[in-house]
Amino acid sequence: VQLQASGGGFVQPGGSLRLSCAASESIFSTYIMGWYRQAPGKQRVLVASINSGRTNYADSVKGRFTISKDNAKKTMSLQMNSLKPEDTAVYYCNVGPSLAGSRWFPWGQGTQVTVSS
């Protein structure tokens, strides 16, 4: 399965961005889906996940980020509000942590988000 994140860019602190994820196959209704990010020099971490409508967020983004998906359109989104410089990272979409990065669900290129004044 190929997953491609898009929608990143440069934004000032306090701004918003909306990331999108497209998949080559219909997986959004079958698997836990997540958004991950990797800041320079740091490990990739899960920041938001969605499973059958239930969502979970890392403490660092709770209240600011919203994950959603459209199974019919095979897309997933991450609405990011009140962005902070520490949100700067490459963002990736994938399935849940147990399978993300496996040979069935390799990491895509990700999309760069830069928050700076």
N, C-alpha and C. Protein backbone atom coordinates (compact mmCIF):
# COMPACT_ATOMS: atom_id res chain seq x y z
N VAL A 1 0.85 -1.19 0.00
CA VAL A 1 0.00 0.00 0.00
C VAL A 1 0.89 1.24 0.00
N GLN A 2 0.54 2.17 -0.86
CA GLN A 2 1.27 3.44 -0.90
C GLN A 2 0.43 4.52 -0.24
N LEU A 3 1.04 5.23 0.67
CA LEU A 3 0.37 6.33 1.36
C LEU A 3 1.15 7.61 1.11
N GLN A 4 0.45 8.64 0.76
CA GLN A 4 1.09 9.90 0.42
C GLN A 4 0.47 11.04 1.21
N ALA A 5 1.29 11.72 1.98
CA ALA A 5 0.85 12.89 2.72
C ALA A 5 1.13 14.15 1.91
N SER A 6 0.26 15.13 2.04
CA SER A 6 0.44 16.40 1.34
C SER A 6 -0.17 17.52 2.16
N GLY A 7 0.11 18.75 1.74
CA GLY A 7 -0.50 19.89 2.39
C GLY A 7 0.40 20.65 3.33
N GLY A 8 1.63 20.20 3.48
CA GLY A 8 2.54 20.91 4.37
C GLY A 8 2.97 22.25 3.80
N GLY A 9 3.70 22.98 4.60
CA GLY A 9 4.17 24.27 4.13
C GLY A 9 4.78 25.06 5.26
N PHE A 10 4.95 26.34 5.00
CA PHE A 10 5.53 27.26 5.97
C PHE A 10 4.41 28.10 6.56
N VAL A 11 4.37 28.20 7.88
CA VAL A 11 3.32 28.96 8.53
C VAL A 11 3.89 29.65 9.76
N GLN A 12 3.34 30.78 10.09
CA GLN A 12 3.77 31.49 11.30
C GLN A 12 3.14 30.88 12.54
N PRO A 13 3.76 31.05 13.68
CA PRO A 13 3.16 30.55 14.93
C PRO A 13 1.74 31.07 15.09
N GLY A 14 0.86 30.16 15.52
CA GLY A 14 -0.55 30.51 15.66
C GLY A 14 -1.36 30.23 14.42
N GLY A 15 -0.71 29.91 13.34
CA GLY A 15 -1.40 29.64 12.09
C GLY A 15 -1.95 28.22 12.01
N SER A 16 -2.54 27.92 10.86
CA SER A 16 -3.17 26.62 10.65
C SER A 16 -2.73 26.01 9.33
N LEU A 17 -2.76 24.70 9.31
CA LEU A 17 -2.53 23.94 8.09
C LEU A 17 -3.43 22.72 8.12
N ARG A 18 -3.77 22.25 6.95
CA ARG A 18 -4.55 21.02 6.85
C ARG A 18 -3.78 20.04 5.98
N LEU A 19 -3.42 18.93 6.56
CA LEU A 19 -2.72 17.88 5.83
C LEU A 19 -3.71 16.86 5.30
N SER A 20 -3.37 16.29 4.17
CA SER A 20 -4.21 15.25 3.57
C SER A 20 -3.37 14.00 3.33
N CYS A 21 -4.04 12.88 3.36
CA CYS A 21 -3.38 11.59 3.12
C CYS A 21 -4.22 10.81 2.12
N ALA A 22 -3.57 10.31 1.10
CA ALA A 22 -4.24 9.46 0.12
C ALA A 22 -3.57 8.10 0.11
N ALA A 23 -4.37 7.07 -0.08
CA ALA A 23 -3.86 5.71 -0.10
C ALA A 23 -4.16 5.05 -1.44
N SER A 24 -3.31 4.14 -1.81
CA SER A 24 -3.48 3.45 -3.09
C SER A 24 -4.55 2.38 -3.03
N GLU A 25 -4.92 2.01 -1.81
CA GLU A 25 -5.96 1.00 -1.63
C GLU A 25 -6.93 1.46 -0.55
N SER A 26 -8.06 0.79 -0.50
CA SER A 26 -9.08 1.13 0.50
C SER A 26 -8.72 0.49 1.83
N ILE A 27 -8.03 1.26 2.64
CA ILE A 27 -7.59 0.72 3.93
C ILE A 27 -8.14 1.48 5.12
N PHE A 28 -8.72 2.63 4.86
CA PHE A 28 -9.09 3.51 5.97
C PHE A 28 -10.17 2.91 6.86
N SER A 29 -11.03 2.08 6.30
CA SER A 29 -12.08 1.48 7.11
C SER A 29 -11.65 0.17 7.75
N THR A 30 -10.46 -0.30 7.40
CA THR A 30 -10.00 -1.60 7.88
C THR A 30 -8.98 -1.48 9.00
N TYR A 31 -8.15 -0.46 8.93
CA TYR A 31 -7.03 -0.35 9.85
C TYR A 31 -7.13 0.90 10.72
N ILE A 32 -6.51 0.81 11.87
CA ILE A 32 -6.25 2.02 12.64
C ILE A 32 -5.34 2.90 11.77
N MET A 33 -5.66 4.17 11.67
CA MET A 33 -4.87 5.09 10.86
C MET A 33 -4.26 6.15 11.75
N GLY A 34 -3.11 6.62 11.33
CA GLY A 34 -2.44 7.60 12.18
C GLY A 34 -1.64 8.62 11.40
N TRP A 35 -1.39 9.72 12.07
CA TRP A 35 -0.46 10.74 11.59
C TRP A 35 0.77 10.71 12.51
N TYR A 36 1.91 10.73 11.91
CA TYR A 36 3.17 10.70 12.62
C TYR A 36 3.98 11.93 12.22
N ARG A 37 4.96 12.25 13.03
CA ARG A 37 5.87 13.32 12.65
C ARG A 37 7.28 13.00 13.13
N GLN A 38 8.22 13.54 12.39
CA GLN A 38 9.63 13.36 12.75
C GLN A 38 10.32 14.71 12.63
N ALA A 39 10.74 15.21 13.78
CA ALA A 39 11.49 16.46 13.82
C ALA A 39 12.97 16.16 13.59
N PRO A 40 13.72 17.15 13.15
CA PRO A 40 15.15 16.93 12.89
C PRO A 40 15.86 16.36 14.10
N GLY A 41 16.58 15.27 13.89
CA GLY A 41 17.34 14.67 14.97
C GLY A 41 16.53 13.88 15.97
N LYS A 42 15.26 13.70 15.71
CA LYS A 42 14.40 12.98 16.65
C LYS A 42 13.73 11.80 15.96
N GLN A 43 13.21 10.91 16.77
CA GLN A 43 12.51 9.76 16.24
C GLN A 43 11.11 10.14 15.75
N ARG A 44 10.62 9.35 14.86
CA ARG A 44 9.25 9.54 14.39
C ARG A 44 8.28 9.13 15.50
N VAL A 45 7.27 9.96 15.71
CA VAL A 45 6.31 9.69 16.77
C VAL A 45 4.89 9.82 16.24
N LEU A 46 4.00 9.09 16.86
CA LEU A 46 2.59 9.15 16.51
C LEU A 46 1.98 10.35 17.21
N VAL A 47 1.28 11.19 16.45
CA VAL A 47 0.66 12.36 17.06
C VAL A 47 -0.86 12.27 17.09
N ALA A 48 -1.44 11.48 16.21
CA ALA A 48 -2.90 11.34 16.18
C ALA A 48 -3.27 10.03 15.53
N SER A 49 -4.34 9.42 16.02
CA SER A 49 -4.81 8.18 15.42
C SER A 49 -6.33 8.16 15.43
N ILE A 50 -6.87 7.34 14.55
CA ILE A 50 -8.32 7.22 14.45
C ILE A 50 -8.67 5.77 14.17
N ASN A 51 -9.69 5.29 14.91
CA ASN A 51 -10.10 3.90 14.78
C ASN A 51 -11.60 3.84 14.98
N SER A 52 -12.31 3.51 13.93
CA SER A 52 -13.77 3.41 14.01
C SER A 52 -14.39 4.66 14.62
N GLY A 53 -13.86 5.81 14.23
CA GLY A 53 -14.41 7.06 14.70
C GLY A 53 -13.82 7.55 16.01
N ARG A 54 -13.15 6.69 16.73
CA ARG A 54 -12.52 7.12 17.98
C ARG A 54 -11.13 7.68 17.68
N THR A 55 -10.84 8.79 18.29
CA THR A 55 -9.57 9.46 18.03
C THR A 55 -8.72 9.54 19.29
N ASN A 56 -7.42 9.56 19.06
CA ASN A 56 -6.47 9.73 20.15
C ASN A 56 -5.38 10.69 19.69
N TYR A 57 -4.88 11.46 20.64
CA TYR A 57 -3.88 12.46 20.32
C TYR A 57 -2.75 12.44 21.34
N ALA A 58 -1.58 12.75 20.85
CA ALA A 58 -0.46 12.96 21.76
C ALA A 58 -0.75 14.21 22.59
N ASP A 59 -0.27 14.23 23.80
CA ASP A 59 -0.52 15.37 24.67
C ASP A 59 -0.05 16.68 24.05
N SER A 60 1.01 16.59 23.27
CA SER A 60 1.60 17.80 22.70
C SER A 60 0.70 18.48 21.67
N VAL A 61 -0.26 17.74 21.12
CA VAL A 61 -1.12 18.32 20.07
C VAL A 61 -2.59 18.33 20.47
N LYS A 62 -2.91 17.75 21.60
CA LYS A 62 -4.30 17.65 22.03
C LYS A 62 -4.94 19.03 22.13
N GLY A 63 -6.12 19.14 21.55
CA GLY A 63 -6.82 20.42 21.58
C GLY A 63 -6.48 21.33 20.42
N ARG A 64 -5.43 20.99 19.69
CA ARG A 64 -5.01 21.82 18.56
C ARG A 64 -5.13 21.10 17.23
N PHE A 65 -4.94 19.80 17.23
CA PHE A 65 -5.00 18.99 16.01
C PHE A 65 -6.27 18.15 16.01
N THR A 66 -6.81 17.94 14.80
CA THR A 66 -7.98 17.09 14.65
C THR A 66 -7.77 16.15 13.47
N ILE A 67 -7.89 14.87 13.76
CA ILE A 67 -7.75 13.86 12.72
C ILE A 67 -9.13 13.44 12.24
N SER A 68 -9.26 13.21 10.95
CA SER A 68 -10.53 12.75 10.40
C SER A 68 -10.23 11.91 9.15
N LYS A 69 -11.22 11.16 8.74
CA LYS A 69 -11.03 10.35 7.54
C LYS A 69 -12.34 10.19 6.79
N ASP A 70 -12.22 9.93 5.51
CA ASP A 70 -13.37 9.68 4.64
C ASP A 70 -13.11 8.35 3.96
N ASN A 71 -13.74 7.31 4.46
CA ASN A 71 -13.49 5.97 3.92
C ASN A 71 -13.85 5.87 2.44
N ALA A 72 -14.94 6.50 2.07
CA ALA A 72 -15.40 6.42 0.68
C ALA A 72 -14.41 7.08 -0.28
N LYS A 73 -13.82 8.18 0.16
CA LYS A 73 -12.88 8.90 -0.69
C LYS A 73 -11.46 8.42 -0.51
N LYS A 74 -11.26 7.50 0.44
CA LYS A 74 -9.92 6.96 0.71
C LYS A 74 -8.94 8.08 1.06
N THR A 75 -9.39 8.97 1.92
CA THR A 75 -8.53 10.06 2.34
C THR A 75 -8.59 10.24 3.85
N MET A 76 -7.57 10.84 4.37
CA MET A 76 -7.50 11.14 5.78
C MET A 76 -6.91 12.54 5.91
N SER A 77 -7.32 13.27 6.92
CA SER A 77 -6.85 14.63 7.09
C SER A 77 -6.35 14.87 8.51
N LEU A 78 -5.53 15.88 8.63
CA LEU A 78 -5.09 16.35 9.93
C LEU A 78 -5.19 17.87 9.91
N GLN A 79 -6.17 18.39 10.64
CA GLN A 79 -6.32 19.83 10.77
C GLN A 79 -5.46 20.29 11.93
N MET A 80 -4.54 21.18 11.64
CA MET A 80 -3.60 21.64 12.66
C MET A 80 -3.81 23.13 12.90
N ASN A 81 -4.22 23.47 14.09
CA ASN A 81 -4.46 24.86 14.47
C ASN A 81 -3.49 25.28 15.56
N SER A 82 -3.39 26.56 15.76
CA SER A 82 -2.53 27.11 16.81
C SER A 82 -1.13 26.50 16.75
N LEU A 83 -0.59 26.47 15.58
CA LEU A 83 0.70 25.82 15.39
C LEU A 83 1.81 26.53 16.14
N LYS A 84 2.74 25.73 16.62
CA LYS A 84 3.88 26.21 17.40
C LYS A 84 5.17 25.83 16.68
N PRO A 85 6.25 26.53 16.95
CA PRO A 85 7.52 26.17 16.33
C PRO A 85 7.91 24.71 16.59
N GLU A 86 7.54 24.19 17.74
CA GLU A 86 7.88 22.79 18.04
C GLU A 86 7.07 21.79 17.24
N ASP A 87 6.10 22.26 16.48
CA ASP A 87 5.37 21.37 15.57
C ASP A 87 6.12 21.18 14.25
N THR A 88 7.20 21.90 14.07
CA THR A 88 8.00 21.75 12.86
C THR A 88 8.53 20.34 12.74
N ALA A 89 8.22 19.69 11.63
CA ALA A 89 8.61 18.31 11.42
C ALA A 89 8.16 17.87 10.03
N VAL A 90 8.61 16.70 9.65
CA VAL A 90 8.04 16.03 8.48
C VAL A 90 6.89 15.16 8.98
N TYR A 91 5.75 15.32 8.37
CA TYR A 91 4.55 14.59 8.79
C TYR A 91 4.26 13.46 7.81
N TYR A 92 3.93 12.33 8.39
CA TYR A 92 3.63 11.13 7.61
C TYR A 92 2.27 10.57 8.02
N CYS A 93 1.62 9.93 7.08
CA CYS A 93 0.41 9.19 7.40
C CYS A 93 0.69 7.71 7.18
N ASN A 94 0.05 6.91 7.98
CA ASN A 94 0.23 5.46 7.86
C ASN A 94 -0.81 4.76 8.72
N VAL A 95 -0.74 3.46 8.74
CA VAL A 95 -1.61 2.70 9.62
C VAL A 95 -1.05 2.79 11.04
N GLY A 96 -1.67 2.06 11.96
CA GLY A 96 -1.25 2.12 13.35
C GLY A 96 0.18 1.64 13.55
N PRO A 97 0.73 1.89 14.72
CA PRO A 97 2.15 1.64 14.98
C PRO A 97 2.59 0.19 14.78
N SER A 98 1.70 -0.76 14.99
CA SER A 98 2.12 -2.16 14.88
C SER A 98 2.49 -2.56 13.46
N LEU A 99 1.95 -1.87 12.47
CA LEU A 99 2.20 -2.21 11.07
C LEU A 99 2.88 -1.09 10.28
N ALA A 100 2.85 0.10 10.78
CA ALA A 100 3.45 1.22 10.06
C ALA A 100 4.93 0.98 9.84
N GLY A 101 5.36 1.18 8.60
CA GLY A 101 6.76 0.97 8.27
C GLY A 101 7.09 -0.45 7.88
N SER A 102 6.12 -1.34 7.93
CA SER A 102 6.35 -2.72 7.51
C SER A 102 6.40 -2.79 5.99
N ARG A 103 6.69 -3.97 5.47
CA ARG A 103 6.78 -4.10 4.01
C ARG A 103 5.41 -3.92 3.36
N TRP A 104 4.35 -4.10 4.11
CA TRP A 104 3.01 -3.90 3.56
C TRP A 104 2.60 -2.42 3.62
N PHE A 105 3.17 -1.70 4.55
CA PHE A 105 2.80 -0.30 4.73
C PHE A 105 4.07 0.55 4.91
N PRO A 106 4.85 0.66 3.86
CA PRO A 106 6.09 1.44 3.95
C PRO A 106 5.80 2.92 4.14
N TRP A 107 6.80 3.62 4.67
CA TRP A 107 6.65 5.05 4.84
C TRP A 107 6.73 5.76 3.50
N GLY A 108 5.85 6.73 3.32
CA GLY A 108 5.93 7.58 2.14
C GLY A 108 6.95 8.69 2.38
N GLN A 109 6.96 9.67 1.51
CA GLN A 109 7.93 10.76 1.61
C GLN A 109 7.59 11.73 2.71
N GLY A 110 6.36 11.80 3.10
CA GLY A 110 5.96 12.76 4.11
C GLY A 110 5.82 14.16 3.54
N THR A 111 5.35 15.06 4.37
CA THR A 111 5.20 16.45 3.96
C THR A 111 5.77 17.35 5.05
N GLN A 112 6.56 18.31 4.64
CA GLN A 112 7.26 19.17 5.59
C GLN A 112 6.35 20.27 6.11
N VAL A 113 6.33 20.41 7.42
CA VAL A 113 5.62 21.51 8.08
C VAL A 113 6.67 22.33 8.83
N THR A 114 6.73 23.59 8.52
CA THR A 114 7.66 24.49 9.20
C THR A 114 6.88 25.63 9.82
N VAL A 115 7.05 25.78 11.13
CA VAL A 115 6.37 26.84 11.87
C VAL A 115 7.44 27.79 12.39
N SER A 116 7.42 28.99 11.88
CA SER A 116 8.46 29.95 12.25
C SER A 116 7.98 31.36 11.97
N SER A 117 8.50 32.27 12.76
CA SER A 117 8.18 33.68 12.53
C SER A 117 9.26 34.33 11.67
